[in-house]
Protein backbone atom coordinates (compact mmCIF):
# COMPACT_ATOMS: atom_id res chain seq x y z
CA MET A 1 21.58 19.20 9.57
CA LYS A 2 21.05 18.67 13.29
CA ASN A 3 17.34 19.71 12.99
CA LEU A 4 16.93 17.26 10.00
CA LEU A 5 18.36 14.40 11.96
CA ILE A 6 16.04 15.15 14.95
CA ALA A 7 13.01 15.34 12.68
CA ALA A 8 13.89 12.00 10.99
CA CYS A 9 14.19 10.32 14.44
CA ALA A 10 10.89 11.82 15.59
CA VAL A 11 9.13 10.50 12.51
CA GLY A 12 10.61 7.06 12.96
CA LEU A 13 9.58 6.92 16.63
CA LEU A 14 6.03 8.11 15.98
CA SER A 15 5.48 5.63 13.13
CA SER A 16 6.81 2.71 15.13
CA CYS A 17 4.48 3.33 18.09
CA GLY A 18 1.37 3.53 15.90
CA LEU A 19 0.67 7.33 16.00
CA GLY A 20 1.44 7.92 12.30
CA ASN A 21 -0.70 6.97 9.34
CA SER A 22 -0.91 3.20 8.84
CA ALA A 23 -2.66 0.81 6.57
CA GLY A 24 -3.96 -1.25 9.49
CA SER A 25 -7.53 -2.25 10.36
CA SER A 26 -8.49 1.32 11.20
CA ALA A 27 -8.41 2.42 7.57
CA GLY A 28 -11.75 0.90 6.78
CA SER A 29 -13.49 2.38 9.81
CA SER A 30 -11.97 5.83 9.32
CA THR A 31 -13.39 6.10 5.84
CA SER A 32 -16.91 5.39 7.13
CA ALA A 33 -16.35 7.85 9.94
CA SER A 34 -15.06 10.56 7.59
CA SER A 35 -18.20 10.33 5.42
CA ALA A 36 -20.18 11.40 8.36
CA GLY A 37 -18.74 14.90 7.96
CA SER A 38 -17.22 15.23 11.42
CA GLY A 39 -14.34 17.41 10.19
CA SER A 40 -10.74 17.09 11.07
CA SER A 41 -11.02 17.80 14.85
CA GLY A 42 -9.17 15.23 17.03
CA ASN A 43 -6.79 14.14 14.29
CA ILE A 44 -3.28 12.99 15.06
CA PHE A 45 -1.18 13.10 11.89
CA GLY A 46 -4.28 12.75 9.73
CA ARG A 47 -5.82 9.79 11.55
CA ARG A 48 -9.04 10.01 13.63
CA ASN A 49 -8.88 9.05 17.36
CA ARG A 50 -10.27 5.58 17.83
CA VAL A 51 -12.58 6.80 20.60
CA GLU A 52 -14.38 8.89 17.93
CA GLN A 53 -14.57 6.05 15.44
CA GLN A 54 -16.34 3.58 17.74
CA VAL A 55 -19.91 4.55 18.24
CA SER A 56 -21.50 1.56 19.87
CA LYS A 57 -25.05 0.98 21.11
CA THR A 58 -23.61 -1.14 23.90
CA ALA A 59 -21.40 1.67 25.33
CA SER A 60 -22.21 2.98 28.79
CA SER A 61 -21.66 6.40 30.19
CA ASP A 62 -18.28 5.46 31.61
CA GLY A 63 -16.90 4.20 28.26
CA ARG A 64 -17.32 0.54 28.87
CA THR A 65 -18.77 -1.76 26.29
CA LEU A 66 -20.27 -5.20 26.67
CA ALA A 67 -17.79 -8.08 26.56
CA ALA A 68 -17.87 -9.99 23.29
CA VAL A 69 -18.38 -13.61 24.37
CA ILE A 70 -18.94 -14.87 27.94
CA LYS A 71 -16.81 -18.04 28.20
CA ASP A 72 -17.45 -19.07 31.77
CA ALA A 73 -19.22 -17.90 34.95
CA ARG A 74 -19.40 -19.37 38.44
CA ILE A 75 -20.15 -18.60 42.04
CA GLU A 76 -17.49 -19.17 44.73
CA ARG A 77 -19.10 -19.38 48.17
CA THR A 78 -17.45 -17.64 51.08
CA ARG A 79 -18.37 -17.45 54.73
CA ASP A 80 -20.06 -14.04 54.22
CA GLY A 81 -21.65 -14.59 50.82
CA GLY A 82 -20.24 -15.40 47.42
CA ILE A 83 -18.02 -14.13 44.65
CA VAL A 84 -19.50 -14.13 41.21
CA ARG A 85 -16.68 -14.75 38.75
CA ALA A 86 -16.88 -14.48 35.01
CA ARG A 87 -14.51 -14.83 32.08
CA ALA A 88 -14.97 -13.30 28.60
CA VAL A 89 -13.12 -13.64 25.33
CA MET A 90 -12.52 -10.41 23.60
CA PRO A 91 -11.92 -9.92 19.83
CA ARG A 92 -8.31 -8.67 20.43
CA GLN A 93 -5.79 -8.16 23.22
CA GLY A 94 -5.70 -5.05 25.44
CA TYR A 95 -9.15 -4.78 26.96
CA TYR A 96 -9.05 -3.53 30.54
CA ASP A 97 -10.96 -2.15 33.56
CA ALA A 98 -13.59 -4.90 33.50
CA LYS A 99 -16.58 -4.78 35.78
CA LEU A 100 -19.80 -6.71 36.43
CA VAL A 101 -22.48 -3.98 36.39
CA SER A 102 -26.10 -4.23 37.64
CA GLU A 103 -28.56 -1.74 36.26
CA ASP A 104 -30.78 -2.07 39.35
CA ALA A 105 -28.30 -1.84 42.16
CA PHE A 106 -27.83 -5.61 42.60
CA ARG A 107 -31.55 -6.25 43.22
CA PRO A 108 -33.14 -9.17 41.48
CA ASP A 109 -36.32 -8.81 39.36
CA GLU A 110 -39.70 -10.19 40.34
CA ASN A 111 -38.66 -13.70 39.29
CA GLY A 112 -35.50 -13.61 41.43
CA VAL A 113 -33.09 -13.13 38.53
CA LEU A 114 -30.11 -10.85 39.04
CA THR A 115 -28.84 -9.61 35.68
CA LEU A 116 -25.15 -8.54 35.55
CA GLU A 117 -23.61 -6.96 32.45
CA PHE A 118 -19.95 -7.82 31.79
CA ARG A 119 -18.45 -4.43 30.75
CA VAL A 120 -14.83 -3.61 29.73
CA LYS A 121 -12.92 -0.63 28.29
CA GLU A 122 -11.54 -1.09 24.82
CA PRO A 123 -7.86 -0.40 24.07
CA GLN A 124 -7.17 2.88 22.34
CA PHE A 125 -4.53 1.63 19.97
CA ASN A 126 -4.35 -1.21 17.54
CA THR A 127 -3.47 -4.48 19.35
CA PHE A 128 -2.85 -8.04 18.27
CA THR A 129 -5.41 -10.80 18.07
CA SER A 130 -3.04 -13.59 19.15
CA THR A 131 -4.34 -16.65 21.02
CA GLU A 132 -7.76 -17.01 22.71
CA ARG A 133 -6.11 -17.31 26.20
CA SER A 134 -4.33 -13.90 25.71
CA ARG A 135 -7.65 -12.28 24.93
CA GLU A 136 -9.45 -13.56 28.03
CA VAL A 137 -10.61 -11.06 30.74
CA ASP A 138 -11.62 -12.16 34.18
CA VAL A 139 -13.88 -10.23 36.56
CA GLY A 140 -15.62 -10.72 39.90
CA VAL A 141 -18.02 -9.16 42.27
CA PHE A 142 -18.95 -9.99 45.90
CA LEU A 143 -22.55 -10.56 46.88
CA SER A 144 -23.43 -10.87 50.60
CA ASN A 145 -25.55 -13.69 52.07
CA GLN A 146 -28.40 -11.25 52.50
CA LYS A 147 -28.49 -10.42 48.80
CA LEU A 148 -27.98 -14.08 47.80
CA ALA A 149 -30.96 -15.08 49.92
CA THR A 150 -33.27 -13.22 47.52
CA ILE A 151 -31.69 -14.34 44.34
CA GLN A 152 -32.83 -17.53 42.49
CA SER A 153 -30.45 -17.16 39.49
CA ILE A 154 -27.77 -14.85 38.18
CA ARG A 155 -27.49 -13.94 34.51
CA VAL A 156 -24.17 -12.69 33.14
CA VAL A 157 -24.74 -10.83 29.86
CA GLY A 158 -22.27 -10.24 27.04
CA ARG A 159 -22.67 -8.86 23.52
CA GLN A 160 -23.12 -12.30 21.79
CA ASN A 161 -24.33 -14.58 24.51
CA GLN A 162 -25.23 -14.87 28.22
CA VAL A 163 -24.60 -17.40 30.98
CA THR A 164 -27.16 -18.16 33.71
CA LEU A 165 -26.14 -19.56 37.09
CA ARG A 166 -28.83 -21.37 39.11
CA ARG A 167 -29.04 -22.68 42.68
């Protein structure tokens, strides 16, 4: 009887924290992933890990994806250079570890344009959509006066849009 009570409590706890099977939004994506024939490795109680489900062309080697929509970008001047700040709106809450990434070590191209990609890590569990303000992610990167001297404009790139800052 004691073991039955412990098992019932464990099932209740696991289902309340989202580790059990659920009829949430992951059901549609798991059926498409299961048709790929990847087997049952990585399953937790019959459900695939979300990391395996999400194969994105925009993913980088460190697991970050491009931010959905760039809402705002600006440069705040400092004595030693400037801080490029950007704000993006994500499709749901819980995105973290945001970074402005430059593919060419923060060097501008031949036209003087520095391209920065707004990259974030996606939450591993189902999260709420909620309000737009609760889905915003802010990020910044410092650029010295020496780097800013060679830059004519800065382009912040997201998945659906981009924002260009000019002098």
